[in-house]
Amino acid sequence: MSNAVDIRTLDLVSEEPVSRQERKQRTRQALLDTALDLLADRPFATLSLREVAKGAGLVPTAFYRHFASMEELGVALVEEATRTLRGMMRSARTDPDTYQGMISASVATVHQFVRANEDHFRFLTRERYGGGPLARSIAVELRMFSGDLAIDLARFAPLRAWSTEDLHMLADLIVSAMITTTVELLEARPGEDPKITATAEKRLRLILLGIPHWKTN
């Protein structure tokens, strides 16, 4: 049984009476979910406020009770996926006390989360180089991923003497490798996941092989 987290099922609907704030949150989530469904095979720039509101069962003016603009909704979609994954990745790296343990835990977490939230990651990979607020938001989130990883890497004995700059450089390489793995998973044919995750682990081991030979400044 998979432990993967589908971020669109985290807010479960209860039959119990709900507060005004809870109703507002559910309506906001309905707008996000509708937008993501509409983005399955098209860029964000082609999405209109009117069709998102209609898909969520709202009149267009009601949209502004939840988002100031379509760009703000897009940024919320970015944050919805990346911030949940960031927390899961940090948890996955908490226990392993070896590089291999960290690699295996990180690859397994990415694999499970991408498979459970493919629509989100297709959206992220498509918009990453699209320019504008969404691309900037994605870039910020990736820098935060890298920053988290640099902090976690510093607890390994061989890296404790590394400069902050070099730790961030190593973290950037690892994050870039994981982005490559994400794209490969999204483009995979049935049955290819084991090969992709095995390659992902090899890719990360190859990066980490250089650690003993690196002279930090």
N, C-alpha and C. Protein backbone atom coordinates (compact mmCIF):
# COMPACT_ATOMS: atom_id res chain seq x y z
N MET A 1 0.85 -1.21 0.00
CA MET A 1 0.00 0.00 0.00
C MET A 1 0.88 1.24 0.00
N SER A 2 0.60 2.17 -0.90
CA SER A 2 1.46 3.36 -1.04
C SER A 2 1.19 4.37 0.06
N ASN A 3 2.30 5.03 0.49
CA ASN A 3 2.17 6.11 1.47
C ASN A 3 2.21 7.47 0.80
N ALA A 4 2.11 7.48 -0.53
CA ALA A 4 2.20 8.74 -1.25
C ALA A 4 1.08 9.67 -0.85
N VAL A 5 1.40 10.95 -0.87
CA VAL A 5 0.44 11.96 -0.44
C VAL A 5 -0.09 12.71 -1.65
N ASP A 6 -1.41 12.65 -1.86
CA ASP A 6 -2.05 13.47 -2.88
C ASP A 6 -2.50 14.75 -2.20
N ILE A 7 -1.87 15.86 -2.55
CA ILE A 7 -2.14 17.10 -1.83
C ILE A 7 -3.54 17.61 -2.06
N ARG A 8 -4.24 17.06 -3.07
CA ARG A 8 -5.60 17.51 -3.30
C ARG A 8 -6.59 16.76 -2.42
N THR A 9 -6.14 15.80 -1.62
CA THR A 9 -7.05 15.08 -0.73
C THR A 9 -6.75 15.38 0.73
N LEU A 10 -5.85 16.35 0.97
CA LEU A 10 -5.52 16.66 2.35
C LEU A 10 -6.66 17.35 3.07
N ASP A 11 -7.52 18.07 2.33
CA ASP A 11 -8.63 18.79 2.93
C ASP A 11 -9.91 17.97 2.73
N LEU A 12 -10.15 17.01 3.58
CA LEU A 12 -11.29 16.14 3.40
C LEU A 12 -12.59 16.83 3.81
N VAL A 13 -13.65 16.54 3.07
CA VAL A 13 -14.94 17.16 3.35
C VAL A 13 -15.65 16.38 4.43
N SER A 14 -16.12 17.06 5.41
CA SER A 14 -16.84 16.44 6.53
C SER A 14 -18.32 16.76 6.41
N GLU A 15 -19.14 15.86 6.96
CA GLU A 15 -20.58 16.11 6.96
C GLU A 15 -20.98 17.02 8.12
N GLU A 16 -20.05 17.30 9.01
CA GLU A 16 -20.35 18.16 10.14
C GLU A 16 -20.49 19.61 9.68
N PRO A 17 -21.25 20.41 10.43
CA PRO A 17 -21.39 21.83 10.08
C PRO A 17 -20.01 22.50 10.03
N VAL A 18 -19.83 23.37 9.03
CA VAL A 18 -18.54 24.02 8.87
C VAL A 18 -18.68 25.53 9.06
N SER A 19 -17.60 26.14 9.47
CA SER A 19 -17.59 27.58 9.69
C SER A 19 -17.48 28.31 8.37
N ARG A 20 -17.70 29.61 8.43
CA ARG A 20 -17.56 30.44 7.24
C ARG A 20 -16.15 30.37 6.68
N GLN A 21 -15.15 30.35 7.59
CA GLN A 21 -13.76 30.27 7.17
C GLN A 21 -13.46 28.95 6.46
N GLU A 22 -14.05 27.86 6.97
CA GLU A 22 -13.85 26.55 6.34
C GLU A 22 -14.49 26.51 4.96
N ARG A 23 -15.67 27.11 4.82
CA ARG A 23 -16.32 27.15 3.50
C ARG A 23 -15.48 27.96 2.52
N LYS A 24 -14.92 29.05 3.02
CA LYS A 24 -14.07 29.88 2.16
C LYS A 24 -12.84 29.10 1.71
N GLN A 25 -12.25 28.34 2.62
CA GLN A 25 -11.07 27.55 2.28
C GLN A 25 -11.41 26.47 1.25
N ARG A 26 -12.58 25.87 1.41
CA ARG A 26 -12.98 24.84 0.44
C ARG A 26 -13.23 25.43 -0.94
N THR A 27 -13.83 26.61 -0.96
CA THR A 27 -14.06 27.26 -2.24
C THR A 27 -12.74 27.63 -2.90
N ARG A 28 -11.81 28.13 -2.11
CA ARG A 28 -10.47 28.45 -2.63
C ARG A 28 -9.79 27.20 -3.20
N GLN A 29 -9.93 26.09 -2.48
CA GLN A 29 -9.33 24.84 -2.95
C GLN A 29 -10.02 24.37 -4.23
N ALA A 30 -11.33 24.59 -4.33
CA ALA A 30 -12.05 24.20 -5.55
C ALA A 30 -11.53 24.98 -6.75
N LEU A 31 -11.21 26.26 -6.56
CA LEU A 31 -10.64 27.06 -7.64
C LEU A 31 -9.27 26.52 -8.05
N LEU A 32 -8.45 26.16 -7.07
CA LEU A 32 -7.13 25.61 -7.37
C LEU A 32 -7.26 24.28 -8.12
N ASP A 33 -8.13 23.41 -7.64
CA ASP A 33 -8.30 22.10 -8.27
C ASP A 33 -8.84 22.24 -9.69
N THR A 34 -9.80 23.16 -9.87
CA THR A 34 -10.35 23.38 -11.21
C THR A 34 -9.27 23.88 -12.16
N ALA A 35 -8.48 24.84 -11.71
CA ALA A 35 -7.40 25.37 -12.55
C ALA A 35 -6.43 24.26 -12.93
N LEU A 36 -6.08 23.42 -11.98
CA LEU A 36 -5.13 22.34 -12.26
C LEU A 36 -5.70 21.35 -13.27
N ASP A 37 -6.99 21.03 -13.15
CA ASP A 37 -7.62 20.13 -14.11
C ASP A 37 -7.60 20.74 -15.52
N LEU A 38 -7.87 22.03 -15.61
CA LEU A 38 -7.89 22.70 -16.91
C LEU A 38 -6.50 22.80 -17.52
N LEU A 39 -5.46 22.74 -16.66
CA LEU A 39 -4.08 22.88 -17.13
C LEU A 39 -3.45 21.56 -17.53
N ALA A 40 -4.23 20.51 -17.61
CA ALA A 40 -3.68 19.18 -17.88
C ALA A 40 -2.84 19.15 -19.14
N ASP A 41 -3.24 19.89 -20.17
CA ASP A 41 -2.49 19.83 -21.44
C ASP A 41 -2.40 21.20 -22.12
N ARG A 42 -2.31 22.25 -21.30
CA ARG A 42 -2.22 23.60 -21.85
C ARG A 42 -1.44 24.49 -20.91
N PRO A 43 -0.84 25.57 -21.44
CA PRO A 43 -0.08 26.49 -20.58
C PRO A 43 -1.00 27.39 -19.76
N PHE A 44 -0.47 27.87 -18.65
CA PHE A 44 -1.25 28.71 -17.74
C PHE A 44 -1.74 29.98 -18.41
N ALA A 45 -0.96 30.53 -19.33
CA ALA A 45 -1.31 31.80 -19.98
C ALA A 45 -2.62 31.70 -20.76
N THR A 46 -3.02 30.50 -21.13
CA THR A 46 -4.26 30.34 -21.91
C THR A 46 -5.50 30.21 -21.03
N LEU A 47 -5.29 30.16 -19.73
CA LEU A 47 -6.39 29.94 -18.79
C LEU A 47 -7.06 31.27 -18.46
N SER A 48 -8.38 31.29 -18.46
CA SER A 48 -9.09 32.52 -18.14
C SER A 48 -9.74 32.43 -16.77
N LEU A 49 -9.88 33.58 -16.14
CA LEU A 49 -10.53 33.66 -14.84
C LEU A 49 -11.96 33.14 -14.94
N ARG A 50 -12.64 33.50 -16.02
CA ARG A 50 -14.04 33.13 -16.17
C ARG A 50 -14.22 31.60 -16.20
N GLU A 51 -13.37 30.89 -16.93
CA GLU A 51 -13.56 29.43 -17.02
C GLU A 51 -13.18 28.73 -15.71
N VAL A 52 -12.21 29.29 -14.99
CA VAL A 52 -11.86 28.71 -13.69
C VAL A 52 -13.02 28.89 -12.71
N ALA A 53 -13.58 30.09 -12.67
CA ALA A 53 -14.71 30.35 -11.78
C ALA A 53 -15.90 29.46 -12.15
N LYS A 54 -16.19 29.36 -13.43
CA LYS A 54 -17.31 28.53 -13.87
C LYS A 54 -17.10 27.07 -13.48
N GLY A 55 -15.89 26.58 -13.66
CA GLY A 55 -15.60 25.19 -13.32
C GLY A 55 -15.75 24.91 -11.83
N ALA A 56 -15.52 25.94 -11.01
CA ALA A 56 -15.66 25.79 -9.56
C ALA A 56 -17.07 26.11 -9.09
N GLY A 57 -17.98 26.45 -10.01
CA GLY A 57 -19.36 26.74 -9.64
C GLY A 57 -19.57 28.13 -9.08
N LEU A 58 -18.72 29.09 -9.51
CA LEU A 58 -18.81 30.46 -9.00
C LEU A 58 -19.05 31.43 -10.13
N VAL A 59 -19.58 32.59 -9.80
CA VAL A 59 -19.63 33.68 -10.77
C VAL A 59 -18.24 34.32 -10.78
N PRO A 60 -17.83 34.92 -11.91
CA PRO A 60 -16.47 35.46 -11.99
C PRO A 60 -16.08 36.43 -10.88
N THR A 61 -17.04 37.28 -10.46
CA THR A 61 -16.69 38.26 -9.42
C THR A 61 -16.34 37.59 -8.09
N ALA A 62 -16.88 36.39 -7.84
CA ALA A 62 -16.59 35.69 -6.59
C ALA A 62 -15.14 35.22 -6.53
N PHE A 63 -14.51 35.09 -7.69
CA PHE A 63 -13.10 34.67 -7.73
C PHE A 63 -12.23 35.60 -6.88
N TYR A 64 -12.54 36.90 -6.93
CA TYR A 64 -11.69 37.90 -6.27
C TYR A 64 -11.80 37.87 -4.74
N ARG A 65 -12.72 37.10 -4.22
CA ARG A 65 -12.77 36.92 -2.77
C ARG A 65 -11.65 35.99 -2.29
N HIS A 66 -11.02 35.30 -3.24
CA HIS A 66 -10.02 34.29 -2.90
C HIS A 66 -8.64 34.59 -3.48
N PHE A 67 -8.61 35.22 -4.66
CA PHE A 67 -7.34 35.56 -5.31
C PHE A 67 -7.46 36.93 -5.94
N ALA A 68 -6.39 37.71 -5.84
CA ALA A 68 -6.41 39.06 -6.41
C ALA A 68 -6.30 39.02 -7.92
N SER A 69 -5.74 37.93 -8.46
CA SER A 69 -5.53 37.83 -9.90
C SER A 69 -5.29 36.38 -10.27
N MET A 70 -5.28 36.09 -11.57
CA MET A 70 -4.94 34.76 -12.03
C MET A 70 -3.49 34.42 -11.68
N GLU A 71 -2.63 35.43 -11.73
CA GLU A 71 -1.22 35.19 -11.39
C GLU A 71 -1.09 34.73 -9.94
N GLU A 72 -1.89 35.31 -9.05
CA GLU A 72 -1.84 34.91 -7.64
C GLU A 72 -2.31 33.47 -7.49
N LEU A 73 -3.33 33.07 -8.24
CA LEU A 73 -3.78 31.69 -8.21
C LEU A 73 -2.67 30.76 -8.70
N GLY A 74 -1.97 31.16 -9.76
CA GLY A 74 -0.88 30.35 -10.28
C GLY A 74 0.24 30.15 -9.28
N VAL A 75 0.59 31.23 -8.59
CA VAL A 75 1.62 31.14 -7.55
C VAL A 75 1.16 30.21 -6.43
N ALA A 76 -0.12 30.26 -6.09
CA ALA A 76 -0.65 29.37 -5.05
C ALA A 76 -0.55 27.91 -5.48
N LEU A 77 -0.75 27.63 -6.76
CA LEU A 77 -0.58 26.27 -7.27
C LEU A 77 0.87 25.80 -7.12
N VAL A 78 1.80 26.71 -7.42
CA VAL A 78 3.22 26.39 -7.27
C VAL A 78 3.52 26.03 -5.81
N GLU A 79 3.06 26.87 -4.91
CA GLU A 79 3.36 26.68 -3.49
C GLU A 79 2.68 25.43 -2.95
N GLU A 80 1.49 25.12 -3.44
CA GLU A 80 0.74 23.97 -2.95
C GLU A 80 1.53 22.68 -3.14
N ALA A 81 2.18 22.54 -4.29
CA ALA A 81 2.96 21.33 -4.56
C ALA A 81 4.32 21.36 -3.89
N THR A 82 5.05 22.46 -4.07
CA THR A 82 6.44 22.46 -3.65
C THR A 82 6.61 22.49 -2.13
N ARG A 83 5.75 23.19 -1.41
CA ARG A 83 5.95 23.30 0.03
C ARG A 83 5.61 22.01 0.76
N THR A 84 4.63 21.27 0.24
CA THR A 84 4.35 19.96 0.82
C THR A 84 5.54 19.03 0.58
N LEU A 85 6.07 19.02 -0.64
CA LEU A 85 7.20 18.16 -0.95
C LEU A 85 8.43 18.56 -0.15
N ARG A 86 8.66 19.84 0.05
CA ARG A 86 9.82 20.28 0.84
C ARG A 86 9.79 19.68 2.24
N GLY A 87 8.62 19.72 2.86
CA GLY A 87 8.50 19.16 4.19
C GLY A 87 8.74 17.66 4.21
N MET A 88 8.21 16.97 3.20
CA MET A 88 8.40 15.52 3.13
C MET A 88 9.87 15.17 2.89
N MET A 89 10.55 15.95 2.06
CA MET A 89 11.96 15.69 1.78
C MET A 89 12.80 15.90 3.02
N ARG A 90 12.52 16.94 3.78
CA ARG A 90 13.28 17.18 5.00
C ARG A 90 13.06 16.05 6.00
N SER A 91 11.83 15.56 6.09
CA SER A 91 11.55 14.44 6.98
C SER A 91 12.29 13.19 6.53
N ALA A 92 12.34 12.97 5.22
CA ALA A 92 13.02 11.79 4.68
C ALA A 92 14.51 11.83 4.96
N ARG A 93 15.06 13.04 5.07
CA ARG A 93 16.51 13.17 5.30
C ARG A 93 16.87 13.26 6.78
N THR A 94 15.88 13.19 7.65
CA THR A 94 16.15 13.36 9.08
C THR A 94 16.91 12.19 9.68
N ASP A 95 16.51 10.95 9.34
CA ASP A 95 17.07 9.77 9.98
C ASP A 95 18.34 9.21 9.34
N PRO A 96 18.42 9.12 7.99
CA PRO A 96 19.59 8.48 7.40
C PRO A 96 20.90 9.13 7.85
N ASP A 97 21.87 8.29 8.24
CA ASP A 97 23.16 8.82 8.69
C ASP A 97 24.28 8.52 7.70
N THR A 98 23.92 8.07 6.50
CA THR A 98 24.89 7.85 5.44
C THR A 98 24.39 8.51 4.17
N TYR A 99 25.33 8.78 3.23
CA TYR A 99 24.93 9.35 1.95
C TYR A 99 23.93 8.43 1.25
N GLN A 100 24.21 7.11 1.23
CA GLN A 100 23.33 6.19 0.53
C GLN A 100 21.94 6.18 1.14
N GLY A 101 21.87 6.26 2.47
CA GLY A 101 20.56 6.31 3.12
C GLY A 101 19.79 7.55 2.72
N MET A 102 20.48 8.68 2.65
CA MET A 102 19.84 9.93 2.26
C MET A 102 19.39 9.87 0.80
N ILE A 103 20.24 9.29 -0.06
CA ILE A 103 19.90 9.18 -1.48
C ILE A 103 18.65 8.32 -1.66
N SER A 104 18.64 7.14 -1.05
CA SER A 104 17.50 6.23 -1.21
C SER A 104 16.21 6.84 -0.69
N ALA A 105 16.28 7.48 0.48
CA ALA A 105 15.08 8.09 1.06
C ALA A 105 14.57 9.23 0.20
N SER A 106 15.48 10.04 -0.33
CA SER A 106 15.08 11.19 -1.15
C SER A 106 14.46 10.75 -2.47
N VAL A 107 15.06 9.78 -3.13
CA VAL A 107 14.53 9.30 -4.42
C VAL A 107 13.17 8.65 -4.21
N ALA A 108 13.03 7.85 -3.16
CA ALA A 108 11.74 7.20 -2.90
C ALA A 108 10.65 8.24 -2.63
N THR A 109 10.98 9.30 -1.89
CA THR A 109 9.99 10.34 -1.58
C THR A 109 9.56 11.08 -2.84
N VAL A 110 10.54 11.46 -3.67
CA VAL A 110 10.21 12.15 -4.92
C VAL A 110 9.35 11.27 -5.81
N HIS A 111 9.73 10.01 -5.95
CA HIS A 111 8.97 9.09 -6.80
C HIS A 111 7.52 8.99 -6.35
N GLN A 112 7.30 8.75 -5.06
CA GLN A 112 5.94 8.60 -4.54
C GLN A 112 5.13 9.88 -4.70
N PHE A 113 5.75 11.02 -4.41
CA PHE A 113 5.01 12.28 -4.45
C PHE A 113 4.69 12.71 -5.87
N VAL A 114 5.63 12.52 -6.79
CA VAL A 114 5.37 12.87 -8.19
C VAL A 114 4.25 11.98 -8.75
N ARG A 115 4.31 10.69 -8.45
CA ARG A 115 3.27 9.79 -8.96
C ARG A 115 1.89 10.13 -8.39
N ALA A 116 1.83 10.61 -7.17
CA ALA A 116 0.55 10.96 -6.55
C ALA A 116 0.03 12.32 -7.00
N ASN A 117 0.91 13.14 -7.59
CA ASN A 117 0.54 14.53 -7.94
C ASN A 117 1.07 14.90 -9.32
N GLU A 118 0.83 14.03 -10.28
CA GLU A 118 1.40 14.24 -11.62
C GLU A 118 0.93 15.54 -12.26
N ASP A 119 -0.34 15.89 -12.07
CA ASP A 119 -0.85 17.12 -12.69
C ASP A 119 -0.08 18.34 -12.19
N HIS A 120 0.21 18.37 -10.89
CA HIS A 120 0.97 19.49 -10.34
C HIS A 120 2.36 19.57 -10.97
N PHE A 121 3.01 18.44 -11.12
CA PHE A 121 4.38 18.47 -11.61
C PHE A 121 4.46 18.71 -13.12
N ARG A 122 3.44 18.30 -13.85
CA ARG A 122 3.40 18.67 -15.27
C ARG A 122 3.26 20.19 -15.39
N PHE A 123 2.43 20.76 -14.54
CA PHE A 123 2.25 22.21 -14.51
C PHE A 123 3.58 22.90 -14.17
N LEU A 124 4.28 22.42 -13.14
CA LEU A 124 5.54 23.05 -12.72
C LEU A 124 6.62 22.96 -13.80
N THR A 125 6.77 21.79 -14.40
CA THR A 125 7.81 21.64 -15.42
C THR A 125 7.49 22.45 -16.67
N ARG A 126 6.19 22.58 -16.97
CA ARG A 126 5.80 23.35 -18.15
C ARG A 126 6.02 24.85 -17.94
N GLU A 127 5.75 25.33 -16.71
CA GLU A 127 5.80 26.77 -16.45
C GLU A 127 7.17 27.26 -15.97
N ARG A 128 8.08 26.34 -15.70
CA ARG A 128 9.37 26.73 -15.13
C ARG A 128 10.12 27.75 -15.99
N TYR A 129 10.03 27.61 -17.28
CA TYR A 129 10.75 28.52 -18.18
C TYR A 129 9.80 29.44 -18.94
N GLY A 130 8.59 29.59 -18.41
CA GLY A 130 7.60 30.39 -19.12
C GLY A 130 7.70 31.88 -18.88
N GLY A 131 8.54 32.30 -17.94
CA GLY A 131 8.66 33.72 -17.64
C GLY A 131 7.53 34.20 -16.75
N GLY A 132 7.65 35.42 -16.26
CA GLY A 132 6.60 36.03 -15.46
C GLY A 132 6.58 35.55 -14.02
N PRO A 133 5.50 35.87 -13.29
CA PRO A 133 5.41 35.56 -11.86
C PRO A 133 5.52 34.08 -11.54
N LEU A 134 4.96 33.21 -12.38
CA LEU A 134 5.01 31.78 -12.08
C LEU A 134 6.43 31.26 -12.15
N ALA A 135 7.16 31.61 -13.19
CA ALA A 135 8.55 31.16 -13.32
C ALA A 135 9.39 31.67 -12.16
N ARG A 136 9.14 32.93 -11.75
CA ARG A 136 9.90 33.48 -10.62
C ARG A 136 9.54 32.74 -9.33
N SER A 137 8.27 32.40 -9.15
CA SER A 137 7.85 31.68 -7.96
C SER A 137 8.48 30.29 -7.92
N ILE A 138 8.51 29.61 -9.06
CA ILE A 138 9.13 28.29 -9.12
C ILE A 138 10.62 28.39 -8.81
N ALA A 139 11.29 29.42 -9.34
CA ALA A 139 12.72 29.61 -9.07
C ALA A 139 12.97 29.83 -7.58
N VAL A 140 12.08 30.60 -6.94
CA VAL A 140 12.22 30.84 -5.50
C VAL A 140 12.08 29.53 -4.73
N GLU A 141 11.08 28.73 -5.08
CA GLU A 141 10.86 27.46 -4.39
C GLU A 141 12.05 26.52 -4.57
N LEU A 142 12.64 26.50 -5.77
CA LEU A 142 13.81 25.65 -6.00
C LEU A 142 15.01 26.11 -5.18
N ARG A 143 15.15 27.42 -5.03
CA ARG A 143 16.24 27.93 -4.17
C ARG A 143 16.01 27.52 -2.72
N MET A 144 14.74 27.50 -2.30
CA MET A 144 14.44 27.07 -0.93
C MET A 144 14.72 25.58 -0.75
N PHE A 145 14.40 24.78 -1.77
CA PHE A 145 14.77 23.36 -1.74
C PHE A 145 16.27 23.22 -1.55
N SER A 146 17.01 23.96 -2.36
CA SER A 146 18.47 23.89 -2.32
C SER A 146 19.00 24.34 -0.96
N GLY A 147 18.41 25.39 -0.40
CA GLY A 147 18.83 25.88 0.90
C GLY A 147 18.59 24.86 2.01
N ASP A 148 17.42 24.22 1.97
CA ASP A 148 17.13 23.17 2.95
C ASP A 148 18.15 22.05 2.86
N LEU A 149 18.44 21.65 1.61
CA LEU A 149 19.37 20.54 1.40
C LEU A 149 20.78 20.90 1.86
N ALA A 150 21.21 22.12 1.60
CA ALA A 150 22.55 22.55 2.02
C ALA A 150 22.69 22.45 3.54
N ILE A 151 21.63 22.82 4.27
CA ILE A 151 21.64 22.73 5.73
C ILE A 151 21.78 21.27 6.17
N ASP A 152 21.02 20.38 5.50
CA ASP A 152 21.07 18.97 5.87
C ASP A 152 22.40 18.32 5.51
N LEU A 153 22.98 18.73 4.39
CA LEU A 153 24.27 18.17 3.99
C LEU A 153 25.37 18.51 4.99
N ALA A 154 25.27 19.68 5.60
CA ALA A 154 26.32 20.16 6.50
C ALA A 154 26.47 19.29 7.75
N ARG A 155 25.50 18.43 8.04
CA ARG A 155 25.61 17.59 9.23
C ARG A 155 26.47 16.36 9.00
N PHE A 156 26.81 16.05 7.73
CA PHE A 156 27.68 14.92 7.45
C PHE A 156 29.14 15.34 7.68
N ALA A 157 29.88 14.49 8.39
CA ALA A 157 31.25 14.83 8.81
C ALA A 157 32.14 15.34 7.68
N PRO A 158 32.17 14.69 6.51
CA PRO A 158 33.08 15.15 5.45
C PRO A 158 32.74 16.54 4.91
N LEU A 159 31.53 17.03 5.22
CA LEU A 159 31.08 18.31 4.67
C LEU A 159 31.07 19.44 5.69
N ARG A 160 31.40 19.14 6.93
CA ARG A 160 31.31 20.16 7.96
C ARG A 160 32.31 21.29 7.77
N ALA A 161 33.40 21.01 7.08
CA ALA A 161 34.41 22.05 6.84
C ALA A 161 34.17 22.81 5.55
N TRP A 162 33.15 22.41 4.80
CA TRP A 162 32.88 23.07 3.53
C TRP A 162 32.32 24.48 3.77
N SER A 163 32.63 25.37 2.85
CA SER A 163 32.07 26.71 2.92
C SER A 163 30.59 26.68 2.58
N THR A 164 29.86 27.70 3.02
CA THR A 164 28.44 27.79 2.71
C THR A 164 28.21 27.82 1.20
N GLU A 165 29.07 28.54 0.50
CA GLU A 165 28.94 28.64 -0.96
C GLU A 165 29.07 27.27 -1.61
N ASP A 166 30.05 26.46 -1.16
CA ASP A 166 30.25 25.15 -1.77
C ASP A 166 29.13 24.18 -1.41
N LEU A 167 28.60 24.29 -0.19
CA LEU A 167 27.46 23.45 0.18
C LEU A 167 26.25 23.75 -0.70
N HIS A 168 26.03 25.03 -0.97
CA HIS A 168 24.90 25.41 -1.84
C HIS A 168 25.15 24.95 -3.28
N MET A 169 26.39 24.98 -3.71
CA MET A 169 26.70 24.50 -5.06
C MET A 169 26.40 23.01 -5.18
N LEU A 170 26.80 22.23 -4.16
CA LEU A 170 26.50 20.79 -4.15
C LEU A 170 25.00 20.56 -4.11
N ALA A 171 24.31 21.31 -3.28
CA ALA A 171 22.85 21.17 -3.18
C ALA A 171 22.17 21.49 -4.51
N ASP A 172 22.65 22.51 -5.20
CA ASP A 172 22.09 22.86 -6.51
C ASP A 172 22.23 21.71 -7.51
N LEU A 173 23.40 21.05 -7.49
CA LEU A 173 23.62 19.91 -8.38
C LEU A 173 22.63 18.79 -8.09
N ILE A 174 22.41 18.53 -6.81
CA ILE A 174 21.49 17.45 -6.42
C ILE A 174 20.05 17.81 -6.81
N VAL A 175 19.65 19.05 -6.56
CA VAL A 175 18.30 19.47 -6.92
C VAL A 175 18.10 19.38 -8.44
N SER A 176 19.09 19.79 -9.21
CA SER A 176 18.99 19.69 -10.67
C SER A 176 18.83 18.24 -11.11
N ALA A 177 19.56 17.33 -10.45
CA ALA A 177 19.44 15.91 -10.78
C ALA A 177 18.05 15.40 -10.47
N MET A 178 17.46 15.87 -9.37
CA MET A 178 16.12 15.42 -9.01
C MET A 178 15.05 15.99 -9.95
N ILE A 179 15.30 17.19 -10.46
CA ILE A 179 14.38 17.74 -11.47
C ILE A 179 14.40 16.87 -12.72
N THR A 180 15.60 16.43 -13.12
CA THR A 180 15.73 15.52 -14.26
C THR A 180 14.93 14.25 -14.02
N THR A 181 15.02 13.70 -12.81
CA THR A 181 14.27 12.49 -12.47
C THR A 181 12.77 12.74 -12.55
N THR A 182 12.33 13.89 -12.08
CA THR A 182 10.90 14.23 -12.13
C THR A 182 10.40 14.25 -13.57
N VAL A 183 11.15 14.89 -14.45
CA VAL A 183 10.75 14.94 -15.86
C VAL A 183 10.72 13.54 -16.46
N GLU A 184 11.70 12.72 -16.13
CA GLU A 184 11.73 11.35 -16.64
C GLU A 184 10.52 10.55 -16.17
N LEU A 185 10.11 10.74 -14.92
CA LEU A 185 8.92 10.04 -14.42
C LEU A 185 7.67 10.48 -15.15
N LEU A 186 7.56 11.77 -15.42
CA LEU A 186 6.38 12.29 -16.11
C LEU A 186 6.30 11.80 -17.56
N GLU A 187 7.45 11.52 -18.15
CA GLU A 187 7.49 11.07 -19.55
C GLU A 187 7.59 9.55 -19.68
N ALA A 188 7.61 8.85 -18.55
CA ALA A 188 7.86 7.41 -18.56
C ALA A 188 6.71 6.62 -19.16
N ARG A 189 7.06 5.50 -19.73
CA ARG A 189 6.07 4.52 -20.18
C ARG A 189 5.80 3.54 -19.04
N PRO A 190 4.68 2.83 -19.08
CA PRO A 190 4.37 1.87 -18.01
C PRO A 190 5.52 0.90 -17.78
N GLY A 191 5.85 0.67 -16.52
CA GLY A 191 6.89 -0.28 -16.17
C GLY A 191 8.29 0.28 -16.09
N GLU A 192 8.46 1.56 -16.42
CA GLU A 192 9.80 2.14 -16.44
C GLU A 192 10.24 2.76 -15.11
N ASP A 193 9.34 2.87 -14.16
CA ASP A 193 9.68 3.54 -12.90
C ASP A 193 10.89 2.93 -12.17
N PRO A 194 10.98 1.59 -12.04
CA PRO A 194 12.15 1.04 -11.34
C PRO A 194 13.48 1.44 -11.99
N LYS A 195 13.53 1.44 -13.30
CA LYS A 195 14.75 1.83 -14.00
C LYS A 195 15.06 3.30 -13.75
N ILE A 196 14.04 4.14 -13.76
CA ILE A 196 14.24 5.58 -13.56
C ILE A 196 14.74 5.87 -12.14
N THR A 197 14.15 5.22 -11.14
CA THR A 197 14.58 5.47 -9.77
C THR A 197 15.98 4.92 -9.52
N ALA A 198 16.30 3.78 -10.15
CA ALA A 198 17.66 3.23 -10.01
C ALA A 198 18.68 4.18 -10.64
N THR A 199 18.35 4.72 -11.80
CA THR A 199 19.24 5.69 -12.46
C THR A 199 19.38 6.94 -11.62
N ALA A 200 18.29 7.36 -10.99
CA ALA A 200 18.33 8.56 -10.14
C ALA A 200 19.30 8.36 -8.98
N GLU A 201 19.27 7.18 -8.37
CA GLU A 201 20.19 6.91 -7.27
C GLU A 201 21.64 6.89 -7.77
N LYS A 202 21.88 6.29 -8.93
CA LYS A 202 23.23 6.27 -9.49
C LYS A 202 23.72 7.68 -9.79
N ARG A 203 22.82 8.51 -10.32
CA ARG A 203 23.17 9.89 -10.66
C ARG A 203 23.60 10.66 -9.42
N LEU A 204 22.87 10.47 -8.33
CA LEU A 204 23.22 11.15 -7.09
C LEU A 204 24.51 10.61 -6.49
N ARG A 205 24.71 9.29 -6.58
CA ARG A 205 25.97 8.73 -6.07
C ARG A 205 27.16 9.28 -6.84
N LEU A 206 26.99 9.43 -8.15
CA LEU A 206 28.06 9.97 -8.98
C LEU A 206 28.42 11.39 -8.55
N ILE A 207 27.40 12.19 -8.24
CA ILE A 207 27.66 13.56 -7.77
C ILE A 207 28.43 13.52 -6.45
N LEU A 208 28.01 12.64 -5.54
CA LEU A 208 28.60 12.59 -4.21
C LEU A 208 30.00 11.96 -4.19
N LEU A 209 30.36 11.23 -5.24
CA LEU A 209 31.71 10.65 -5.32
C LEU A 209 32.80 11.71 -5.31
N GLY A 210 32.47 12.91 -5.75
CA GLY A 210 33.46 13.96 -5.81
C GLY A 210 33.75 14.63 -4.47
N ILE A 211 32.94 14.34 -3.46
CA ILE A 211 33.09 15.02 -2.17
C ILE A 211 34.47 14.88 -1.55
N PRO A 212 35.03 13.65 -1.48
CA PRO A 212 36.35 13.52 -0.82
C PRO A 212 37.48 14.25 -1.56
N HIS A 213 37.27 14.53 -2.83
CA HIS A 213 38.34 15.12 -3.64
C HIS A 213 38.20 16.64 -3.80
N TRP A 214 37.14 17.19 -3.24
CA TRP A 214 36.89 18.62 -3.40
C TRP A 214 37.59 19.41 -2.30
N LYS A 215 38.32 20.43 -2.69
CA LYS A 215 38.99 21.32 -1.74
C LYS A 215 38.18 22.60 -1.62
N THR A 216 37.47 22.72 -0.52
CA THR A 216 36.61 23.89 -0.35
C THR A 216 37.46 25.13 -0.06
N ASN A 217 36.97 26.28 -0.51
CA ASN A 217 37.69 27.53 -0.32
C ASN A 217 37.39 28.13 1.05
